[in-house]
Structures are given as structure tokens and as C-alpha cells.
Amino acid sequence: MEGVFNTTGRTNIPDSYTYTPQNEQEAWIAIMHACVAVDDDVADAELEELAQTLADRALFDGHDIMAYSRNVFYAHQQLGSKILIDNPVDFISDENRPTLFAHTIQLVLSDCVVTEKEEELIQYLYSALDMDEKEAQEIVRVVLILNKDKV
């Protein structure tokens, strides 16, 4: 699986550059962005779903989503999806982990295309979030049911 997340081909990354989100809100944005951007093709439908998710969640009320997003986009460009999951995951509260995972599945499905890289990253994500495999499978099953008739 390391091949999907390989960042060794990236150049001009300062050795001292690291990414740490400011808070749980930025961590959510980082993880969701990592999942939709892993295939280097962020569809308009994915961006719309991400924006709607952030607008609908009380967790983001009063927060500067654009500032967080700029940090995340730069970090993703420099470091790739794996680090954009690994570094922020500890900022996600235990009670929010299943919800974040469900929203991430919804994001990945929003363009009606699930690439191999996206599928691998989703498998990596539930592990990084310390979720039980059965719980993750149930969340995926429910989200698939909710999206059954989408075109």
C-alpha cells in the first residue's frame, strides 16, 4: 500500500516542513481533502460535497474554513495524502471519528467514481482512526445504501 502514499517523488520540500493542524476542525478538512485528492483529481462534486459537509456541521461554526483549507491544500501539495491523515488523526475526538469516516465515504462517492487509490485510502483511514473493521464496514454499507440511486 505504500505505493499509493509514496511521497518520495516530490521535490523542493524543505526538510523542516511539517504539517500539524491547528485544531480538530482543520484536522477534519485535512483528512477529508486527503481522501478526495489522493487520485490527483478533485471533482466539482467532491468539492461541493465537502463545502456542504462543512456548512452543515456545528463543529465548524465560527471557524475560518478558508484559512484552514489553505493550510491543508499547501500541506497536501508538499507532503501527500498519507501525512495529511497521519498527522491530523490525533486531533479527531473519539466520538467524532465514525462521523468523520462516514462523511469521508460520502465525499469519495460524490463523484460516482471510486478509484483504486481512493479505496485503498479509505481502508487506511479506518485503521488510522482506530476504528473497528466491522464498524467501518457497516458505515460503508449504510453510505452505499444512501447513495444507491445517485447517478
C-alpha atoms as a PDB file:
ATOM      1  CA  MET A   1       0.000   0.000   0.000  1.00  0.00           C
ATOM      2  CA  GLU A   2       2.973   2.329   0.440  1.00  0.00           C
ATOM      3  CA  GLY A   3       2.969   2.948  -3.325  1.00  0.00           C
ATOM      4  CA  VAL A   4      -0.273   4.901  -3.155  1.00  0.00           C
ATOM      5  CA  PHE A   5       1.118   7.147  -0.474  1.00  0.00           C
ATOM      6  CA  ASN A   6       4.682   7.406  -1.736  1.00  0.00           C
ATOM      7  CA  THR A   7       5.891  10.996  -1.486  1.00  0.00           C
ATOM      8  CA  THR A   8       9.497  10.354  -2.447  1.00  0.00           C
ATOM      9  CA  GLY A   9       8.892  11.760  -5.923  1.00  0.00           C
ATOM     10  CA  ARG A  10       8.028  15.175  -4.502  1.00  0.00           C
ATOM     11  CA  THR A  11      10.746  17.754  -4.868  1.00  0.00           C
ATOM     12  CA  ASN A  12      11.565  21.091  -3.286  1.00  0.00           C
ATOM     13  CA  ILE A  13      10.085  20.138   0.073  1.00  0.00           C
ATOM     14  CA  PRO A  14      12.028  21.881   2.807  1.00  0.00           C
ATOM     15  CA  ASP A  15      13.403  19.309   5.253  1.00  0.00           C
ATOM     16  CA  SER A  16      11.990  21.360   8.080  1.00  0.00           C
ATOM     17  CA  TYR A  17       8.425  21.466   6.665  1.00  0.00           C
ATOM     18  CA  THR A  18       5.933  19.617   8.774  1.00  0.00           C
ATOM     19  CA  TYR A  19       2.183  19.816   8.981  1.00  0.00           C
ATOM     20  CA  THR A  20       0.181  19.920  12.166  1.00  0.00           C
ATOM     21  CA  PRO A  21      -3.419  21.143  12.129  1.00  0.00           C
ATOM     22  CA  GLN A  22      -4.382  23.990  14.441  1.00  0.00           C
ATOM     23  CA  ASN A  23      -7.429  22.185  15.832  1.00  0.00           C
ATOM     24  CA  GLU A  24      -9.984  19.443  15.221  1.00  0.00           C
ATOM     25  CA  GLN A  25     -11.754  21.473  12.548  1.00  0.00           C
ATOM     26  CA  GLU A  26      -8.620  21.779  10.432  1.00  0.00           C
ATOM     27  CA  ALA A  27      -7.896  18.100  11.039  1.00  0.00           C
ATOM     28  CA  TRP A  28     -11.320  17.183   9.587  1.00  0.00           C
ATOM     29  CA  ILE A  29     -10.613  19.283   6.490  1.00  0.00           C
ATOM     30  CA  ALA A  30      -7.151  17.728   6.119  1.00  0.00           C
ATOM     31  CA  ILE A  31      -8.407  14.167   6.323  1.00  0.00           C
ATOM     32  CA  MET A  32     -11.365  14.716   4.006  1.00  0.00           C
ATOM     33  CA  HIS A  33      -9.190  16.549   1.486  1.00  0.00           C
ATOM     34  CA  ALA A  34      -6.539  13.815   1.634  1.00  0.00           C
ATOM     35  CA  CYS A  35      -9.139  11.242   0.669  1.00  0.00           C
ATOM     36  CA  VAL A  36     -10.588  13.091  -2.316  1.00  0.00           C
ATOM     37  CA  ALA A  37      -7.221  14.383  -3.560  1.00  0.00           C
ATOM     38  CA  VAL A  38      -5.272  11.113  -3.367  1.00  0.00           C
ATOM     39  CA  ASP A  39      -6.007  10.411  -7.043  1.00  0.00           C
ATOM     40  CA  ASP A  40      -4.891  13.935  -8.062  1.00  0.00           C
ATOM     41  CA  ASP A  41      -8.378  14.584  -9.442  1.00  0.00           C
ATOM     42  CA  VAL A  42     -10.731  16.517  -7.172  1.00  0.00           C
ATOM     43  CA  ALA A  43     -14.079  16.618  -8.941  1.00  0.00           C
ATOM     44  CA  ASP A  44     -16.500  19.516  -8.632  1.00  0.00           C
ATOM     45  CA  ALA A  45     -18.996  17.151  -6.997  1.00  0.00           C
ATOM     46  CA  GLU A  46     -16.423  16.302  -4.327  1.00  0.00           C
ATOM     47  CA  LEU A  47     -15.742  19.986  -3.640  1.00  0.00           C
ATOM     48  CA  GLU A  48     -19.475  20.695  -3.414  1.00  0.00           C
ATOM     49  CA  GLU A  49     -19.986  17.792  -1.008  1.00  0.00           C
ATOM     50  CA  LEU A  50     -17.045  18.946   1.106  1.00  0.00           C
ATOM     51  CA  ALA A  51     -18.374  22.518   1.257  1.00  0.00           C
ATOM     52  CA  GLN A  52     -21.857  21.268   2.181  1.00  0.00           C
ATOM     53  CA  THR A  53     -20.455  18.997   4.902  1.00  0.00           C
ATOM     54  CA  LEU A  54     -18.547  21.872   6.456  1.00  0.00           C
ATOM     55  CA  ALA A  55     -21.560  24.198   6.232  1.00  0.00           C
ATOM     56  CA  ASP A  56     -23.893  21.641   7.838  1.00  0.00           C
ATOM     57  CA  ARG A  57     -21.735  20.726  10.848  1.00  0.00           C
ATOM     58  CA  ALA A  58     -21.969  22.846  14.007  1.00  0.00           C
ATOM     59  CA  LEU A  59     -18.356  21.851  14.666  1.00  0.00           C
ATOM     60  CA  PHE A  60     -17.287  24.458  12.088  1.00  0.00           C
ATOM     61  CA  ASP A  61     -19.445  27.382  13.268  1.00  0.00           C
ATOM     62  CA  GLY A  62     -17.319  30.466  13.847  1.00  0.00           C
ATOM     63  CA  HIS A  63     -14.187  28.952  12.312  1.00  0.00           C
ATOM     64  CA  ASP A  64     -12.172  30.307   9.376  1.00  0.00           C
ATOM     65  CA  ILE A  65     -12.615  27.387   6.997  1.00  0.00           C
ATOM     66  CA  MET A  66     -10.803  29.163   4.177  1.00  0.00           C
ATOM     67  CA  ALA A  67      -7.667  29.679   6.298  1.00  0.00           C
ATOM     68  CA  TYR A  68      -7.707  26.030   7.353  1.00  0.00           C
ATOM     69  CA  SER A  69      -8.231  24.959   3.751  1.00  0.00           C
ATOM     70  CA  ARG A  70      -5.261  26.998   2.518  1.00  0.00           C
ATOM     71  CA  ASN A  71      -3.044  25.298   5.112  1.00  0.00           C
ATOM     72  CA  VAL A  72      -4.384  21.897   4.091  1.00  0.00           C
ATOM     73  CA  PHE A  73      -4.016  22.453   0.337  1.00  0.00           C
ATOM     74  CA  TYR A  74      -0.419  23.573   0.754  1.00  0.00           C
ATOM     75  CA  ALA A  75       0.401  20.664   3.049  1.00  0.00           C
ATOM     76  CA  HIS A  76      -1.153  18.176   0.626  1.00  0.00           C
ATOM     77  CA  GLN A  77       0.841  19.590  -2.258  1.00  0.00           C
ATOM     78  CA  GLN A  78       4.053  19.280  -0.240  1.00  0.00           C
ATOM     79  CA  LEU A  79       3.509  16.031   1.649  1.00  0.00           C
ATOM     80  CA  GLY A  80       0.734  13.967   0.082  1.00  0.00           C
ATOM     81  CA  SER A  81      -2.349  12.220   1.414  1.00  0.00           C
ATOM     82  CA  LYS A  82      -0.799   9.802   3.901  1.00  0.00           C
ATOM     83  CA  ILE A  83       0.779  12.504   6.053  1.00  0.00           C
ATOM     84  CA  LEU A  84      -2.391  14.547   5.740  1.00  0.00           C
ATOM     85  CA  ILE A  85      -4.115  11.684   7.537  1.00  0.00           C
ATOM     86  CA  ASP A  86      -1.348  10.591   9.898  1.00  0.00           C
ATOM     87  CA  ASN A  87      -0.609  13.988  11.434  1.00  0.00           C
ATOM     88  CA  PRO A  88      -4.209  15.215  11.991  1.00  0.00           C
ATOM     89  CA  VAL A  89      -5.779  11.936  13.151  1.00  0.00           C
ATOM     90  CA  ASP A  90      -4.908  12.512  16.813  1.00  0.00           C
ATOM     91  CA  PHE A  91      -6.858  15.791  16.729  1.00  0.00           C
ATOM     92  CA  ILE A  92     -10.126  13.972  15.983  1.00  0.00           C
ATOM     93  CA  SER A  93     -12.124  13.257  19.131  1.00  0.00           C
ATOM     94  CA  ASP A  94     -13.137   9.652  19.675  1.00  0.00           C
ATOM     95  CA  GLU A  95     -16.842  10.463  19.406  1.00  0.00           C
ATOM     96  CA  ASN A  96     -16.348  12.222  16.043  1.00  0.00           C
ATOM     97  CA  ARG A  97     -14.289   9.507  14.338  1.00  0.00           C
ATOM     98  CA  PRO A  98     -17.217   7.422  12.971  1.00  0.00           C
ATOM     99  CA  THR A  99     -18.948  10.601  11.759  1.00  0.00           C
ATOM    100  CA  LEU A 100     -15.808  11.819  10.004  1.00  0.00           C
ATOM    101  CA  PHE A 101     -15.357   8.404   8.429  1.00  0.00           C
ATOM    102  CA  ALA A 102     -18.972   8.420   7.167  1.00  0.00           C
ATOM    103  CA  HIS A 103     -18.584  11.911   5.706  1.00  0.00           C
ATOM    104  CA  THR A 104     -15.354  10.868   4.026  1.00  0.00           C
ATOM    105  CA  ILE A 105     -17.068   7.870   2.401  1.00  0.00           C
ATOM    106  CA  GLN A 106     -19.824  10.222   1.238  1.00  0.00           C
ATOM    107  CA  LEU A 107     -17.197  12.551  -0.252  1.00  0.00           C
ATOM    108  CA  VAL A 108     -15.429   9.782  -2.120  1.00  0.00           C
ATOM    109  CA  LEU A 109     -18.755   8.568  -3.562  1.00  0.00           C
ATOM    110  CA  SER A 110     -19.986  12.044  -4.512  1.00  0.00           C
ATOM    111  CA  ASP A 111     -18.437  11.989  -7.995  1.00  0.00           C
ATOM    112  CA  CYS A 112     -19.780   8.442  -8.594  1.00  0.00           C
ATOM    113  CA  VAL A 113     -16.225   7.209  -9.211  1.00  0.00           C
ATOM    114  CA  VAL A 114     -14.172   5.350  -6.629  1.00  0.00           C
ATOM    115  CA  THR A 115     -10.618   4.942  -7.821  1.00  0.00           C
ATOM    116  CA  GLU A 116      -8.288   2.238  -6.554  1.00  0.00           C
ATOM    117  CA  LYS A 117      -6.283   4.889  -4.721  1.00  0.00           C
ATOM    118  CA  GLU A 118      -9.419   6.225  -3.017  1.00  0.00           C
ATOM    119  CA  GLU A 119     -10.457   2.723  -1.990  1.00  0.00           C
ATOM    120  CA  GLU A 120      -7.021   1.984  -0.523  1.00  0.00           C
ATOM    121  CA  LEU A 121      -7.008   5.290   1.309  1.00  0.00           C
ATOM    122  CA  ILE A 122     -10.426   4.588   2.847  1.00  0.00           C
ATOM    123  CA  GLN A 123      -9.084   1.261   4.129  1.00  0.00           C
ATOM    124  CA  TYR A 124      -6.077   3.069   5.537  1.00  0.00           C
ATOM    125  CA  LEU A 125      -8.287   5.745   7.112  1.00  0.00           C
ATOM    126  CA  TYR A 126     -10.432   3.471   9.249  1.00  0.00           C
ATOM    127  CA  SER A 127      -7.279   1.914  10.630  1.00  0.00           C
ATOM    128  CA  ALA A 128      -5.683   5.315  11.286  1.00  0.00           C
ATOM    129  CA  LEU A 129      -8.844   6.382  13.117  1.00  0.00           C
ATOM    130  CA  ASP A 130      -8.555   3.250  15.301  1.00  0.00           C
ATOM    131  CA  MET A 131     -11.985   2.098  14.203  1.00  0.00           C
ATOM    132  CA  ASP A 132     -13.172  -1.477  14.393  1.00  0.00           C
ATOM    133  CA  GLU A 133     -13.299  -3.104  10.943  1.00  0.00           C
ATOM    134  CA  LYS A 134     -16.911  -4.204  11.447  1.00  0.00           C
ATOM    135  CA  GLU A 135     -17.952  -0.651  12.367  1.00  0.00           C
ATOM    136  CA  ALA A 136     -16.179   0.711   9.287  1.00  0.00           C
ATOM    137  CA  GLN A 137     -17.834  -1.893   7.048  1.00  0.00           C
ATOM    138  CA  GLU A 138     -21.252  -1.026   8.489  1.00  0.00           C
ATOM    139  CA  ILE A 139     -20.690   2.679   7.847  1.00  0.00           C
ATOM    140  CA  VAL A 140     -19.631   1.956   4.264  1.00  0.00           C
ATOM    141  CA  ARG A 141     -22.694  -0.281   3.799  1.00  0.00           C
ATOM    142  CA  VAL A 142     -25.079   2.410   5.072  1.00  0.00           C
ATOM    143  CA  VAL A 143     -23.495   5.165   2.957  1.00  0.00           C
ATOM    144  CA  LEU A 144     -23.682   2.908  -0.118  1.00  0.00           C
ATOM    145  CA  ILE A 145     -27.388   2.311   0.578  1.00  0.00           C
ATOM    146  CA  LEU A 146     -27.966   6.061   0.910  1.00  0.00           C
ATOM    147  CA  ASN A 147     -26.220   6.643  -2.424  1.00  0.00           C
ATOM    148  CA  LYS A 148     -27.761   3.689  -4.279  1.00  0.00           C
ATOM    149  CA  ASP A 149     -29.781   5.678  -6.810  1.00  0.00           C
ATOM    150  CA  LYS A 150     -27.319   8.516  -7.424  1.00  0.00           C
ATOM    151  CA  VAL A 151     -26.128   8.909 -10.953  1.00  0.00           C
END
